[in-house]
Amino acid sequence: MKVYEHKAEYYETDQMGIIHHSNYIRWYESARIYFMNELGISYKKMEEKGIISPVLSVSSEYKNMVYFDDVVLVNVKIKKYNGIRLELEYTLTNKETGEVVNTGSSKHCFLMNNKIINLKKVSEEFHEMFLNAIEE
């Protein structure tokens, strides 16, 4: 599967000239949407069916600095999935140096009409796509 690629923008830097820590969470979200699109599960398509997937928690560990104009590759993997909850892992690597700059995770559930749902019961299509994306 193709990895999400992000070029660090000047406005994402802080006063020290490095990427501000809050941007990594945004990159996770962009990578998650990209990952779902690659699986064939467009988040927009999920929303059109009345299904949303809010973030329950997110964690991030900063390993190396990212600077303006660096290109970061964001690899997304499913850590856990049971139809009700989804946990994703993120590994961010500097494209030029190959060095890991950040790792993180996010936990999500699935809702319809503000009620937790089991994706297997509501959308077998989406459920199967998530199951098939789990790496052993």
C-alpha atoms as a PDB file:
ATOM      1  CA  MET A   1       0.000   0.000   0.000  1.00  0.00           C
ATOM      2  CA  LYS A   2       1.212   3.489  -0.844  1.00  0.00           C
ATOM      3  CA  VAL A   3       2.486   5.578   2.093  1.00  0.00           C
ATOM      4  CA  TYR A   4       1.146   9.079   2.781  1.00  0.00           C
ATOM      5  CA  GLU A   5       3.701  11.795   1.983  1.00  0.00           C
ATOM      6  CA  HIS A   6       3.719  15.273   3.518  1.00  0.00           C
ATOM      7  CA  LYS A   7       6.031  18.198   2.753  1.00  0.00           C
ATOM      8  CA  ALA A   8       6.555  20.300   5.894  1.00  0.00           C
ATOM      9  CA  GLU A   9       5.251  23.821   5.371  1.00  0.00           C
ATOM     10  CA  TYR A  10       6.740  27.042   6.718  1.00  0.00           C
ATOM     11  CA  TYR A  11       3.549  27.908   8.650  1.00  0.00           C
ATOM     12  CA  GLU A  12       3.875  24.595  10.536  1.00  0.00           C
ATOM     13  CA  THR A  13       7.148  25.677  12.167  1.00  0.00           C
ATOM     14  CA  ASP A  14       7.536  27.179  15.613  1.00  0.00           C
ATOM     15  CA  GLN A  15       9.779  29.960  16.878  1.00  0.00           C
ATOM     16  CA  MET A  16      12.761  27.577  16.892  1.00  0.00           C
ATOM     17  CA  GLY A  17      12.312  26.798  13.191  1.00  0.00           C
ATOM     18  CA  ILE A  18      11.146  23.213  13.707  1.00  0.00           C
ATOM     19  CA  ILE A  19       7.728  21.748  13.071  1.00  0.00           C
ATOM     20  CA  HIS A  20       5.394  22.513  15.977  1.00  0.00           C
ATOM     21  CA  HIS A  21       4.344  19.388  17.853  1.00  0.00           C
ATOM     22  CA  SER A  22       0.615  19.936  17.249  1.00  0.00           C
ATOM     23  CA  ASN A  23       1.034  19.401  13.513  1.00  0.00           C
ATOM     24  CA  TYR A  24       1.893  15.727  13.893  1.00  0.00           C
ATOM     25  CA  ILE A  25      -1.678  15.022  15.038  1.00  0.00           C
ATOM     26  CA  ARG A  26      -2.982  16.728  11.898  1.00  0.00           C
ATOM     27  CA  TRP A  27      -0.609  14.614   9.814  1.00  0.00           C
ATOM     28  CA  TYR A  28      -1.995  11.477  11.510  1.00  0.00           C
ATOM     29  CA  GLU A  29      -5.495  12.479  10.469  1.00  0.00           C
ATOM     30  CA  SER A  30      -4.492  13.221   6.891  1.00  0.00           C
ATOM     31  CA  ALA A  31      -2.638   9.898   6.730  1.00  0.00           C
ATOM     32  CA  ARG A  32      -5.641   8.051   8.214  1.00  0.00           C
ATOM     33  CA  ILE A  33      -7.989   9.484   5.565  1.00  0.00           C
ATOM     34  CA  TYR A  34      -5.437   8.641   2.859  1.00  0.00           C
ATOM     35  CA  PHE A  35      -5.039   5.103   4.286  1.00  0.00           C
ATOM     36  CA  MET A  36      -8.799   4.568   4.248  1.00  0.00           C
ATOM     37  CA  ASN A  37      -8.995   5.812   0.652  1.00  0.00           C
ATOM     38  CA  GLU A  38      -6.227   3.364  -0.311  1.00  0.00           C
ATOM     39  CA  LEU A  39      -8.293   0.569   1.283  1.00  0.00           C
ATOM     40  CA  GLY A  40     -11.344   1.630  -0.691  1.00  0.00           C
ATOM     41  CA  ILE A  41     -13.097   3.006   2.399  1.00  0.00           C
ATOM     42  CA  SER A  42     -13.559   6.671   1.655  1.00  0.00           C
ATOM     43  CA  TYR A  43     -14.356   8.509   4.884  1.00  0.00           C
ATOM     44  CA  LYS A  44     -16.704  10.675   2.854  1.00  0.00           C
ATOM     45  CA  LYS A  45     -18.519   7.528   1.706  1.00  0.00           C
ATOM     46  CA  MET A  46     -18.799   6.394   5.337  1.00  0.00           C
ATOM     47  CA  GLU A  47     -20.293   9.741   6.311  1.00  0.00           C
ATOM     48  CA  GLU A  48     -22.751   9.557   3.407  1.00  0.00           C
ATOM     49  CA  LYS A  49     -23.969   6.269   4.928  1.00  0.00           C
ATOM     50  CA  GLY A  50     -24.374   8.023   8.298  1.00  0.00           C
ATOM     51  CA  ILE A  51     -21.279   6.455   9.897  1.00  0.00           C
ATOM     52  CA  ILE A  52     -18.672   8.574  11.658  1.00  0.00           C
ATOM     53  CA  SER A  53     -15.486   7.532  13.405  1.00  0.00           C
ATOM     54  CA  PRO A  54     -14.511   9.974  16.151  1.00  0.00           C
ATOM     55  CA  VAL A  55     -11.110   9.988  17.813  1.00  0.00           C
ATOM     56  CA  LEU A  56     -11.217   8.529  21.320  1.00  0.00           C
ATOM     57  CA  SER A  57      -7.553   9.105  22.108  1.00  0.00           C
ATOM     58  CA  VAL A  58      -4.294   9.965  20.435  1.00  0.00           C
ATOM     59  CA  SER A  59      -0.677   9.648  21.523  1.00  0.00           C
ATOM     60  CA  SER A  60       2.511  10.890  19.944  1.00  0.00           C
ATOM     61  CA  GLU A  61       6.206  10.346  20.612  1.00  0.00           C
ATOM     62  CA  TYR A  62       8.724  12.746  19.123  1.00  0.00           C
ATOM     63  CA  LYS A  63      12.030  11.127  18.152  1.00  0.00           C
ATOM     64  CA  ASN A  64      13.777  13.593  15.810  1.00  0.00           C
ATOM     65  CA  MET A  65      13.069  17.096  14.559  1.00  0.00           C
ATOM     66  CA  VAL A  66      11.371  17.946  11.292  1.00  0.00           C
ATOM     67  CA  TYR A  67      12.166  21.248   9.586  1.00  0.00           C
ATOM     68  CA  PHE A  68      10.466  23.381   6.959  1.00  0.00           C
ATOM     69  CA  ASP A  69      10.645  21.740   3.524  1.00  0.00           C
ATOM     70  CA  ASP A  70      11.442  18.247   4.871  1.00  0.00           C
ATOM     71  CA  VAL A  71       9.337  15.490   3.346  1.00  0.00           C
ATOM     72  CA  VAL A  72       7.860  13.058   5.840  1.00  0.00           C
ATOM     73  CA  LEU A  73       6.457   9.637   4.991  1.00  0.00           C
ATOM     74  CA  VAL A  74       3.600   8.536   7.235  1.00  0.00           C
ATOM     75  CA  ASN A  75       3.028   4.793   7.401  1.00  0.00           C
ATOM     76  CA  VAL A  76      -0.314   3.750   8.901  1.00  0.00           C
ATOM     77  CA  LYS A  77      -1.089   0.266  10.243  1.00  0.00           C
ATOM     78  CA  ILE A  78      -4.078  -1.206  11.973  1.00  0.00           C
ATOM     79  CA  LYS A  79      -3.031  -2.269  15.454  1.00  0.00           C
ATOM     80  CA  LYS A  80      -6.451  -3.527  16.604  1.00  0.00           C
ATOM     81  CA  TYR A  81      -9.887  -3.770  15.057  1.00  0.00           C
ATOM     82  CA  ASN A  82     -13.018  -5.555  16.247  1.00  0.00           C
ATOM     83  CA  GLY A  83     -15.851  -3.893  14.320  1.00  0.00           C
ATOM     84  CA  ILE A  84     -16.596  -1.479  17.161  1.00  0.00           C
ATOM     85  CA  ARG A  85     -13.178   0.018  17.814  1.00  0.00           C
ATOM     86  CA  LEU A  86     -10.197   0.744  15.602  1.00  0.00           C
ATOM     87  CA  GLU A  87      -6.656   1.433  16.779  1.00  0.00           C
ATOM     88  CA  LEU A  88      -4.083   2.745  14.326  1.00  0.00           C
ATOM     89  CA  GLU A  89      -0.305   3.090  14.559  1.00  0.00           C
ATOM     90  CA  TYR A  90       1.686   5.786  12.775  1.00  0.00           C
ATOM     91  CA  THR A  91       5.390   5.791  11.919  1.00  0.00           C
ATOM     92  CA  LEU A  92       6.744   9.016  10.451  1.00  0.00           C
ATOM     93  CA  THR A  93      10.042   8.848   8.601  1.00  0.00           C
ATOM     94  CA  ASN A  94      12.169  11.566   7.032  1.00  0.00           C
ATOM     95  CA  LYS A  95      12.093  10.683   3.332  1.00  0.00           C
ATOM     96  CA  GLU A  96      15.636  11.917   2.663  1.00  0.00           C
ATOM     97  CA  THR A  97      17.439  10.437   5.688  1.00  0.00           C
ATOM     98  CA  GLY A  98      15.212   7.439   6.438  1.00  0.00           C
ATOM     99  CA  GLU A  99      15.260   8.348  10.124  1.00  0.00           C
ATOM    100  CA  VAL A 100      12.107   7.828  12.210  1.00  0.00           C
ATOM    101  CA  VAL A 101      10.988  11.237  13.445  1.00  0.00           C
ATOM    102  CA  ASN A 102       7.763  10.343  15.234  1.00  0.00           C
ATOM    103  CA  THR A 103       5.561   7.426  16.238  1.00  0.00           C
ATOM    104  CA  GLY A 104       2.015   7.555  17.452  1.00  0.00           C
ATOM    105  CA  SER A 105      -1.370   5.943  17.702  1.00  0.00           C
ATOM    106  CA  SER A 106      -5.029   6.858  17.631  1.00  0.00           C
ATOM    107  CA  LYS A 107      -8.127   5.036  18.846  1.00  0.00           C
ATOM    108  CA  HIS A 108     -11.518   5.391  17.201  1.00  0.00           C
ATOM    109  CA  CYS A 109     -15.023   4.003  17.483  1.00  0.00           C
ATOM    110  CA  PHE A 110     -17.873   3.968  14.978  1.00  0.00           C
ATOM    111  CA  LEU A 111     -21.111   5.896  15.494  1.00  0.00           C
ATOM    112  CA  MET A 112     -24.415   6.162  13.698  1.00  0.00           C
ATOM    113  CA  ASN A 113     -27.077   8.557  14.980  1.00  0.00           C
ATOM    114  CA  ASN A 114     -24.786   9.255  17.960  1.00  0.00           C
ATOM    115  CA  LYS A 115     -24.842   5.591  19.021  1.00  0.00           C
ATOM    116  CA  ILE A 116     -21.903   3.202  19.014  1.00  0.00           C
ATOM    117  CA  ILE A 117     -22.291   0.603  16.282  1.00  0.00           C
ATOM    118  CA  ASN A 118     -20.636  -2.607  15.213  1.00  0.00           C
ATOM    119  CA  LEU A 119     -19.406  -1.988  11.685  1.00  0.00           C
ATOM    120  CA  LYS A 120     -19.805  -5.698  10.904  1.00  0.00           C
ATOM    121  CA  LYS A 121     -23.547  -5.418  11.456  1.00  0.00           C
ATOM    122  CA  VAL A 122     -24.022  -2.053   9.766  1.00  0.00           C
ATOM    123  CA  SER A 123     -21.626  -2.271   6.812  1.00  0.00           C
ATOM    124  CA  GLU A 124     -20.111  -5.636   5.982  1.00  0.00           C
ATOM    125  CA  GLU A 125     -18.255  -3.942   3.100  1.00  0.00           C
ATOM    126  CA  PHE A 126     -16.351  -1.526   5.381  1.00  0.00           C
ATOM    127  CA  HIS A 127     -15.837  -4.215   8.017  1.00  0.00           C
ATOM    128  CA  GLU A 128     -14.221  -6.599   5.528  1.00  0.00           C
ATOM    129  CA  MET A 129     -11.963  -3.890   4.144  1.00  0.00           C
ATOM    130  CA  PHE A 130     -10.617  -3.125   7.635  1.00  0.00           C
ATOM    131  CA  LEU A 131     -10.169  -6.839   8.369  1.00  0.00           C
ATOM    132  CA  ASN A 132      -8.283  -7.361   5.117  1.00  0.00           C
ATOM    133  CA  ALA A 133      -5.943  -4.461   5.928  1.00  0.00           C
ATOM    134  CA  ILE A 134      -4.713  -5.970   9.200  1.00  0.00           C
ATOM    135  CA  GLU A 135      -1.103  -7.003   8.805  1.00  0.00           C
ATOM    136  CA  GLU A 136      -0.095 -10.192  10.537  1.00  0.00           C
END
